[in-house]
Protein backbone atom coordinates (compact mmCIF):
# COMPACT_ATOMS: atom_id res chain seq x y z
CA UNK A 1 0.00 0.00 0.00
CA UNK A 2 2.90 2.36 0.75
CA UNK A 3 4.33 1.85 -2.74
CA UNK A 4 0.91 2.55 -4.26
CA UNK A 5 0.67 5.76 -2.27
CA UNK A 6 4.13 6.86 -3.37
CA UNK A 7 3.24 6.17 -6.99
CA UNK A 8 -0.01 8.14 -6.75
CA UNK A 9 1.53 11.11 -4.90
CA UNK A 10 4.84 11.07 -6.74
CA UNK A 11 6.13 13.08 -9.65
CA UNK A 12 8.29 12.10 -12.62
CA UNK A 13 11.19 11.21 -10.31
CA UNK A 14 9.22 8.18 -9.13
CA UNK A 15 9.59 6.70 -12.62
CA UNK A 16 13.23 6.09 -11.70
CA UNK A 17 12.05 3.72 -8.98
CA UNK A 18 10.00 1.76 -11.51
CA UNK A 19 12.98 1.58 -13.85
CA UNK A 20 15.25 0.39 -11.02
CA UNK A 21 12.68 -2.28 -10.13
CA UNK A 22 13.41 -3.99 -13.45
CA UNK A 23 16.70 -5.09 -11.87
CA UNK A 24 15.83 -4.87 -8.16
CA UNK A 25 12.38 -6.21 -7.19
CA UNK A 26 12.54 -4.78 -3.65
CA UNK A 27 10.99 -1.34 -4.14
CA UNK A 28 12.78 0.11 -1.10
CA UNK A 29 16.18 -0.83 -2.53
CA UNK A 30 15.07 0.39 -5.95
CA UNK A 31 14.10 3.75 -4.41
CA UNK A 32 17.57 4.07 -2.89
CA UNK A 33 19.17 3.26 -6.24
CA UNK A 34 16.98 5.89 -7.91
CA UNK A 35 17.80 8.39 -5.11
CA UNK A 36 14.12 8.82 -4.27
CA UNK A 37 12.94 9.28 -0.68
CA UNK A 38 9.44 7.73 -0.43
CA UNK A 39 8.61 9.57 2.81
CA UNK A 40 9.04 12.90 1.02
CA UNK A 41 5.93 12.02 -0.98
CA UNK A 42 3.94 10.23 1.69
CA UNK A 43 4.55 11.88 5.05
CA UNK A 44 5.20 15.57 4.48
CA UNK A 45 2.67 18.29 5.22
CA UNK A 46 1.00 19.77 2.18
CA UNK A 47 -0.37 23.27 1.83
CA UNK A 48 -3.81 23.95 0.36
CA UNK A 49 -2.24 25.92 -2.50
CA UNK A 50 0.09 23.08 -3.51
CA UNK A 51 -0.71 21.40 -6.81
CA UNK A 52 -1.39 17.70 -6.51
CA UNK A 53 -0.77 15.09 -9.24
CA UNK A 54 -4.48 14.68 -9.95
CA UNK A 55 -5.44 18.36 -10.00
CA UNK A 56 -5.95 18.26 -13.76
CA UNK A 57 -8.89 15.84 -13.35
CA UNK A 58 -12.31 17.50 -13.23
CA UNK A 59 -14.28 15.41 -10.75
CA UNK A 60 -17.03 17.98 -10.25
CA UNK A 61 -16.04 18.65 -6.64
CA UNK A 62 -14.66 21.88 -5.27
CA UNK A 63 -11.05 21.67 -4.08
CA UNK A 64 -12.06 23.21 -0.74
CA UNK A 65 -14.61 20.45 -0.12
CA UNK A 66 -12.00 17.78 -0.84
CA UNK A 67 -9.43 19.46 1.41
CA UNK A 68 -11.85 19.47 4.33
CA UNK A 69 -12.45 15.73 4.03
PDB file of N, CA and C in Angstrom:
ATOM      1  N   UNK A   1       0.821  -1.192   0.000  1.00  0.00           N
ATOM      2  CA  UNK A   1       0.000   0.000   0.000  1.00  0.00           C
ATOM      3  C   UNK A   1       0.870   1.265   0.000  1.00  0.00           C
ATOM      4  N   UNK A   2       2.020   1.195   0.685  1.00  0.00           N
ATOM      5  CA  UNK A   2       2.898   2.364   0.745  1.00  0.00           C
ATOM      6  C   UNK A   2       3.440   2.685  -0.646  1.00  0.00           C
ATOM      7  N   UNK A   3       3.834   1.652  -1.380  1.00  0.00           N
ATOM      8  CA  UNK A   3       4.326   1.851  -2.743  1.00  0.00           C
ATOM      9  C   UNK A   3       3.235   2.467  -3.612  1.00  0.00           C
ATOM     10  N   UNK A   4       2.012   1.990  -3.482  1.00  0.00           N
ATOM     11  CA  UNK A   4       0.906   2.550  -4.259  1.00  0.00           C
ATOM     12  C   UNK A   4       0.703   4.024  -3.935  1.00  0.00           C
ATOM     13  N   UNK A   5       0.800   4.368  -2.668  1.00  0.00           N
ATOM     14  CA  UNK A   5       0.671   5.762  -2.268  1.00  0.00           C
ATOM     15  C   UNK A   5       1.770   6.623  -2.849  1.00  0.00           C
ATOM     16  N   UNK A   6       3.006   6.110  -2.810  1.00  0.00           N
ATOM     17  CA  UNK A   6       4.129   6.859  -3.366  1.00  0.00           C
ATOM     18  C   UNK A   6       3.934   7.069  -4.869  1.00  0.00           C
ATOM     19  N   UNK A   7       3.465   6.042  -5.556  1.00  0.00           N
ATOM     20  CA  UNK A   7       3.240   6.175  -6.991  1.00  0.00           C
ATOM     21  C   UNK A   7       2.140   7.187  -7.293  1.00  0.00           C
ATOM     22  N   UNK A   8       1.093   7.212  -6.484  1.00  0.00           N
ATOM     23  CA  UNK A   8      -0.005   8.144  -6.753  1.00  0.00           C
ATOM     24  C   UNK A   8       0.336   9.577  -6.367  1.00  0.00           C
ATOM     25  N   UNK A   9       1.163   9.764  -5.351  1.00  0.00           N
ATOM     26  CA  UNK A   9       1.526  11.111  -4.900  1.00  0.00           C
ATOM     27  C   UNK A   9       2.811  11.622  -5.555  1.00  0.00           C
ATOM     28  N   UNK A  10       3.535  10.725  -6.205  1.00  0.00           N
ATOM     29  CA  UNK A  10       4.845  11.072  -6.740  1.00  0.00           C
ATOM     30  C   UNK A  10       4.799  11.888  -8.017  1.00  0.00           C
ATOM     31  N   UNK A  11       5.975  12.341  -8.403  1.00  0.00           N
ATOM     32  CA  UNK A  11       6.131  13.083  -9.646  1.00  0.00           C
ATOM     33  C   UNK A  11       6.985  12.240 -10.595  1.00  0.00           C
ATOM     34  N   UNK A  12       7.546  12.868 -11.610  1.00  0.00           N
ATOM     35  CA  UNK A  12       8.294  12.099 -12.615  1.00  0.00           C
ATOM     36  C   UNK A  12       9.526  11.413 -12.045  1.00  0.00           C
ATOM     37  N   UNK A  13      10.029  11.869 -10.909  1.00  0.00           N
ATOM     38  CA  UNK A  13      11.195  11.206 -10.311  1.00  0.00           C
ATOM     39  C   UNK A  13      10.874   9.786  -9.867  1.00  0.00           C
ATOM     40  N   UNK A  14       9.618   9.515  -9.564  1.00  0.00           N
ATOM     41  CA  UNK A  14       9.216   8.177  -9.133  1.00  0.00           C
ATOM     42  C   UNK A  14       9.391   7.163 -10.269  1.00  0.00           C
ATOM     43  N   UNK A  15       9.382   7.623 -11.504  1.00  0.00           N
ATOM     44  CA  UNK A  15       9.594   6.700 -12.621  1.00  0.00           C
ATOM     45  C   UNK A  15      10.958   6.032 -12.531  1.00  0.00           C
ATOM     46  N   UNK A  16      11.920   6.696 -11.908  1.00  0.00           N
ATOM     47  CA  UNK A  16      13.230   6.086 -11.704  1.00  0.00           C
ATOM     48  C   UNK A  16      13.163   4.866 -10.803  1.00  0.00           C
ATOM     49  N   UNK A  17      12.246   4.882  -9.856  1.00  0.00           N
ATOM     50  CA  UNK A  17      12.049   3.719  -8.981  1.00  0.00           C
ATOM     51  C   UNK A  17      11.518   2.554  -9.809  1.00  0.00           C
ATOM     52  N   UNK A  18      10.551   2.827 -10.664  1.00  0.00           N
ATOM     53  CA  UNK A  18      10.003   1.764 -11.511  1.00  0.00           C
ATOM     54  C   UNK A  18      11.070   1.190 -12.430  1.00  0.00           C
ATOM     55  N   UNK A  19      11.899   2.053 -12.990  1.00  0.00           N
ATOM     56  CA  UNK A  19      12.982   1.582 -13.854  1.00  0.00           C
ATOM     57  C   UNK A  19      13.972   0.732 -13.062  1.00  0.00           C
ATOM     58  N   UNK A  20      14.314   1.153 -11.856  1.00  0.00           N
ATOM     59  CA  UNK A  20      15.245   0.390 -11.024  1.00  0.00           C
ATOM     60  C   UNK A  20      14.657  -0.955 -10.623  1.00  0.00           C
ATOM     61  N   UNK A  21      13.328  -1.025 -10.518  1.00  0.00           N
ATOM     62  CA  UNK A  21      12.680  -2.282 -10.133  1.00  0.00           C
ATOM     63  C   UNK A  21      12.775  -3.351 -11.215  1.00  0.00           C
ATOM     64  N   UNK A  22      13.173  -2.979 -12.420  1.00  0.00           N
ATOM     65  CA  UNK A  22      13.413  -3.988 -13.451  1.00  0.00           C
ATOM     66  C   UNK A  22      14.579  -4.886 -13.062  1.00  0.00           C
ATOM     67  N   UNK A  23      15.539  -4.328 -12.325  1.00  0.00           N
ATOM     68  CA  UNK A  23      16.705  -5.087 -11.872  1.00  0.00           C
ATOM     69  C   UNK A  23      16.613  -5.473 -10.402  1.00  0.00           C
ATOM     70  N   UNK A  24      15.926  -4.663  -9.607  1.00  0.00           N
ATOM     71  CA  UNK A  24      15.827  -4.865  -8.155  1.00  0.00           C
ATOM     72  C   UNK A  24      14.355  -4.908  -7.761  1.00  0.00           C
ATOM     73  N   UNK A  25      13.810  -6.108  -7.495  1.00  0.00           N
ATOM     74  CA  UNK A  25      12.380  -6.208  -7.192  1.00  0.00           C
ATOM     75  C   UNK A  25      11.952  -5.594  -5.856  1.00  0.00           C
ATOM     76  N   UNK A  26      12.872  -5.416  -4.934  1.00  0.00           N
ATOM     77  CA  UNK A  26      12.536  -4.782  -3.650  1.00  0.00           C
ATOM     78  C   UNK A  26      12.422  -3.276  -3.886  1.00  0.00           C
ATOM     79  N   UNK A  27      11.202  -2.737  -3.780  1.00  0.00           N
ATOM     80  CA  UNK A  27      10.986  -1.336  -4.142  1.00  0.00           C
ATOM     81  C   UNK A  27      11.762  -0.384  -3.246  1.00  0.00           C
ATOM     82  N   UNK A  28      12.012  -0.767  -1.994  1.00  0.00           N
ATOM     83  CA  UNK A  28      12.783   0.109  -1.097  1.00  0.00           C
ATOM     84  C   UNK A  28      14.230   0.244  -1.580  1.00  0.00           C
ATOM     85  N   UNK A  29      14.814  -0.872  -1.985  1.00  0.00           N
ATOM     86  CA  UNK A  29      16.177  -0.831  -2.526  1.00  0.00           C
ATOM     87  C   UNK A  29      16.196  -0.089  -3.860  1.00  0.00           C
ATOM     88  N   UNK A  30      15.163  -0.307  -4.665  1.00  0.00           N
ATOM     89  CA  UNK A  30      15.072   0.391  -5.950  1.00  0.00           C
ATOM     90  C   UNK A  30      14.959   1.897  -5.737  1.00  0.00           C
ATOM     91  N   UNK A  31      14.224   2.318  -4.710  1.00  0.00           N
ATOM     92  CA  UNK A  31      14.099   3.749  -4.409  1.00  0.00           C
ATOM     93  C   UNK A  31      15.448   4.334  -4.023  1.00  0.00           C
ATOM     94  N   UNK A  32      16.231   3.587  -3.245  1.00  0.00           N
ATOM     95  CA  UNK A  32      17.572   4.068  -2.885  1.00  0.00           C
ATOM     96  C   UNK A  32      18.449   4.189  -4.118  1.00  0.00           C
ATOM     97  N   UNK A  33      18.373   3.207  -5.004  1.00  0.00           N
ATOM     98  CA  UNK A  33      19.166   3.259  -6.236  1.00  0.00           C
ATOM     99  C   UNK A  33      18.769   4.456  -7.097  1.00  0.00           C
ATOM    100  N   UNK A  34      17.488   4.775  -7.100  1.00  0.00           N
ATOM    101  CA  UNK A  34      16.984   5.889  -7.907  1.00  0.00           C
ATOM    102  C   UNK A  34      17.102   7.223  -7.176  1.00  0.00           C
ATOM    103  N   UNK A  35      17.646   7.201  -5.962  1.00  0.00           N
ATOM    104  CA  UNK A  35      17.803   8.388  -5.114  1.00  0.00           C
ATOM    105  C   UNK A  35      16.452   9.096  -4.933  1.00  0.00           C
ATOM    106  N   UNK A  36      15.462   8.310  -4.544  1.00  0.00           N
ATOM    107  CA  UNK A  36      14.121   8.817  -4.269  1.00  0.00           C
ATOM    108  C   UNK A  36      13.790   8.482  -2.823  1.00  0.00           C
ATOM    109  N   UNK A  37      13.318   9.470  -2.082  1.00  0.00           N
ATOM    110  CA  UNK A  37      12.937   9.278  -0.680  1.00  0.00           C
ATOM    111  C   UNK A  37      11.410   9.150  -0.605  1.00  0.00           C
ATOM    112  N   UNK A  38      10.886   7.928  -0.436  1.00  0.00           N
ATOM    113  CA  UNK A  38       9.435   7.729  -0.426  1.00  0.00           C
ATOM    114  C   UNK A  38       8.705   8.588   0.603  1.00  0.00           C
ATOM    115  N   UNK A  39       9.279   8.775   1.778  1.00  0.00           N
ATOM    116  CA  UNK A  39       8.614   9.571   2.812  1.00  0.00           C
ATOM    117  C   UNK A  39       8.387  11.016   2.379  1.00  0.00           C
ATOM    118  N   UNK A  40       9.216  11.512   1.465  1.00  0.00           N
ATOM    119  CA  UNK A  40       9.038  12.897   1.021  1.00  0.00           C
ATOM    120  C   UNK A  40       7.733  13.061   0.237  1.00  0.00           C
ATOM    121  N   UNK A  41       7.213  11.971  -0.294  1.00  0.00           N
ATOM    122  CA  UNK A  41       5.925  12.018  -0.985  1.00  0.00           C
ATOM    123  C   UNK A  41       4.774  11.683  -0.051  1.00  0.00           C
ATOM    124  N   UNK A  42       5.023  10.783   0.886  1.00  0.00           N
ATOM    125  CA  UNK A  42       3.936  10.231   1.693  1.00  0.00           C
ATOM    126  C   UNK A  42       3.685  10.955   3.010  1.00  0.00           C
ATOM    127  N   UNK A  43       4.704  11.434   3.673  1.00  0.00           N
ATOM    128  CA  UNK A  43       4.554  11.880   5.049  1.00  0.00           C
ATOM    129  C   UNK A  43       4.624  13.390   5.260  1.00  0.00           C
ATOM    130  N   UNK A  44       5.022  14.136   4.256  1.00  0.00           N
ATOM    131  CA  UNK A  44       5.205  15.566   4.484  1.00  0.00           C
ATOM    132  C   UNK A  44       3.874  16.316   4.483  1.00  0.00           C
ATOM    133  N   UNK A  45       3.853  17.424   5.170  1.00  0.00           N
ATOM    134  CA  UNK A  45       2.670  18.287   5.218  1.00  0.00           C
ATOM    135  C   UNK A  45       2.499  18.986   3.879  1.00  0.00           C
ATOM    136  N   UNK A  46       1.291  19.074   3.431  1.00  0.00           N
ATOM    137  CA  UNK A  46       1.001  19.765   2.182  1.00  0.00           C
ATOM    138  C   UNK A  46       0.142  20.994   2.468  1.00  0.00           C
ATOM    139  N   UNK A  47       0.406  22.032   1.720  1.00  0.00           N
ATOM    140  CA  UNK A  47      -0.370  23.266   1.830  1.00  0.00           C
ATOM    141  C   UNK A  47      -1.562  23.197   0.871  1.00  0.00           C
ATOM    142  N   UNK A  48      -2.611  23.917   1.205  1.00  0.00           N
ATOM    143  CA  UNK A  48      -3.808  23.950   0.363  1.00  0.00           C
ATOM    144  C   UNK A  48      -3.480  24.413  -1.056  1.00  0.00           C
ATOM    145  N   UNK A  49      -2.563  25.346  -1.187  1.00  0.00           N
ATOM    146  CA  UNK A  49      -2.237  25.924  -2.496  1.00  0.00           C
ATOM    147  C   UNK A  49      -1.350  25.016  -3.354  1.00  0.00           C
ATOM    148  N   UNK A  50      -0.819  23.968  -2.776  1.00  0.00           N
ATOM    149  CA  UNK A  50       0.090  23.081  -3.512  1.00  0.00           C
ATOM    150  C   UNK A  50      -0.674  22.280  -4.564  1.00  0.00           C
ATOM    151  N   UNK A  51      -0.099  22.210  -5.749  1.00  0.00           N
ATOM    152  CA  UNK A  51      -0.711  21.402  -6.809  1.00  0.00           C
ATOM    153  C   UNK A  51      -0.462  19.932  -6.518  1.00  0.00           C
ATOM    154  N   UNK A  52      -1.490  19.135  -6.723  1.00  0.00           N
ATOM    155  CA  UNK A  52      -1.389  17.699  -6.515  1.00  0.00           C
ATOM    156  C   UNK A  52      -1.403  16.988  -7.863  1.00  0.00           C
ATOM    157  N   UNK A  53      -0.888  15.777  -7.949  1.00  0.00           N
ATOM    158  CA  UNK A  53      -0.767  15.089  -9.236  1.00  0.00           C
ATOM    159  C   UNK A  53      -2.083  14.934  -9.990  1.00  0.00           C
ATOM    160  N   UNK A  54      -3.189  14.903  -9.297  1.00  0.00           N
ATOM    161  CA  UNK A  54      -4.482  14.680  -9.946  1.00  0.00           C
ATOM    162  C   UNK A  54      -5.293  15.965 -10.118  1.00  0.00           C
ATOM    163  N   UNK A  55      -4.697  17.098  -9.904  1.00  0.00           N
ATOM    164  CA  UNK A  55      -5.440  18.359  -9.999  1.00  0.00           C
ATOM    165  C   UNK A  55      -6.007  18.636 -11.395  1.00  0.00           C
ATOM    166  N   UNK A  56      -5.456  18.014 -12.408  1.00  0.00           N
ATOM    167  CA  UNK A  56      -5.950  18.258 -13.762  1.00  0.00           C
ATOM    168  C   UNK A  56      -7.267  17.516 -14.039  1.00  0.00           C
ATOM    169  N   UNK A  57      -7.660  16.612 -13.161  1.00  0.00           N
ATOM    170  CA  UNK A  57      -8.889  15.835 -13.349  1.00  0.00           C
ATOM    171  C   UNK A  57     -10.081  16.627 -12.808  1.00  0.00           C
ATOM    172  N   UNK A  58     -11.087  16.809 -13.658  1.00  0.00           N
ATOM    173  CA  UNK A  58     -12.309  17.500 -13.229  1.00  0.00           C
ATOM    174  C   UNK A  58     -13.284  16.459 -12.688  1.00  0.00           C
ATOM    175  N   UNK A  59     -13.384  16.394 -11.370  1.00  0.00           N
ATOM    176  CA  UNK A  59     -14.278  15.412 -10.751  1.00  0.00           C
ATOM    177  C   UNK A  59     -15.595  16.040 -10.297  1.00  0.00           C
ATOM    178  N   UNK A  60     -15.793  17.308 -10.601  1.00  0.00           N
ATOM    179  CA  UNK A  60     -17.030  17.978 -10.251  1.00  0.00           C
ATOM    180  C   UNK A  60     -17.106  18.458  -8.812  1.00  0.00           C
ATOM    181  N   UNK A  61     -16.060  18.222  -8.039  1.00  0.00           N
ATOM    182  CA  UNK A  61     -16.038  18.653  -6.643  1.00  0.00           C
ATOM    183  C   UNK A  61     -15.118  19.849  -6.478  1.00  0.00           C
ATOM    184  N   UNK A  62     -15.482  20.721  -5.586  1.00  0.00           N
ATOM    185  CA  UNK A  62     -14.662  21.884  -5.272  1.00  0.00           C
ATOM    186  C   UNK A  62     -13.433  21.452  -4.473  1.00  0.00           C
ATOM    187  N   UNK A  63     -12.295  22.023  -4.777  1.00  0.00           N
ATOM    188  CA  UNK A  63     -11.051  21.672  -4.080  1.00  0.00           C
ATOM    189  C   UNK A  63     -11.173  21.890  -2.567  1.00  0.00           C
ATOM    190  N   UNK A  64     -11.878  22.926  -2.163  1.00  0.00           N
ATOM    191  CA  UNK A  64     -12.057  23.207  -0.737  1.00  0.00           C
ATOM    192  C   UNK A  64     -12.806  22.070  -0.055  1.00  0.00           C
ATOM    193  N   UNK A  65     -13.838  21.551  -0.695  1.00  0.00           N
ATOM    194  CA  UNK A  65     -14.611  20.446  -0.121  1.00  0.00           C
ATOM    195  C   UNK A  65     -13.740  19.208   0.043  1.00  0.00           C
ATOM    196  N   UNK A  66     -12.892  18.934  -0.935  1.00  0.00           N
ATOM    197  CA  UNK A  66     -11.996  17.780  -0.837  1.00  0.00           C
ATOM    198  C   UNK A  66     -10.970  17.976   0.267  1.00  0.00           C
ATOM    199  N   UNK A  67     -10.455  19.177   0.395  1.00  0.00           N
ATOM    200  CA  UNK A  67      -9.428  19.459   1.408  1.00  0.00           C
ATOM    201  C   UNK A  67      -9.977  19.242   2.816  1.00  0.00           C
ATOM    202  N   UNK A  68     -11.238  19.601   3.013  1.00  0.00           N
ATOM    203  CA  UNK A  68     -11.851  19.474   4.335  1.00  0.00           C
ATOM    204  C   UNK A  68     -12.098  18.023   4.720  1.00  0.00           C
ATOM    205  N   UNK A  69     -12.202  17.142   3.750  1.00  0.00           N
ATOM    206  CA  UNK A  69     -12.445  15.726   4.030  1.00  0.00           C
ATOM    207  C   UNK A  69     -11.159  15.101   4.406  1.00  0.00           C
TER     208      UNK A  69
END
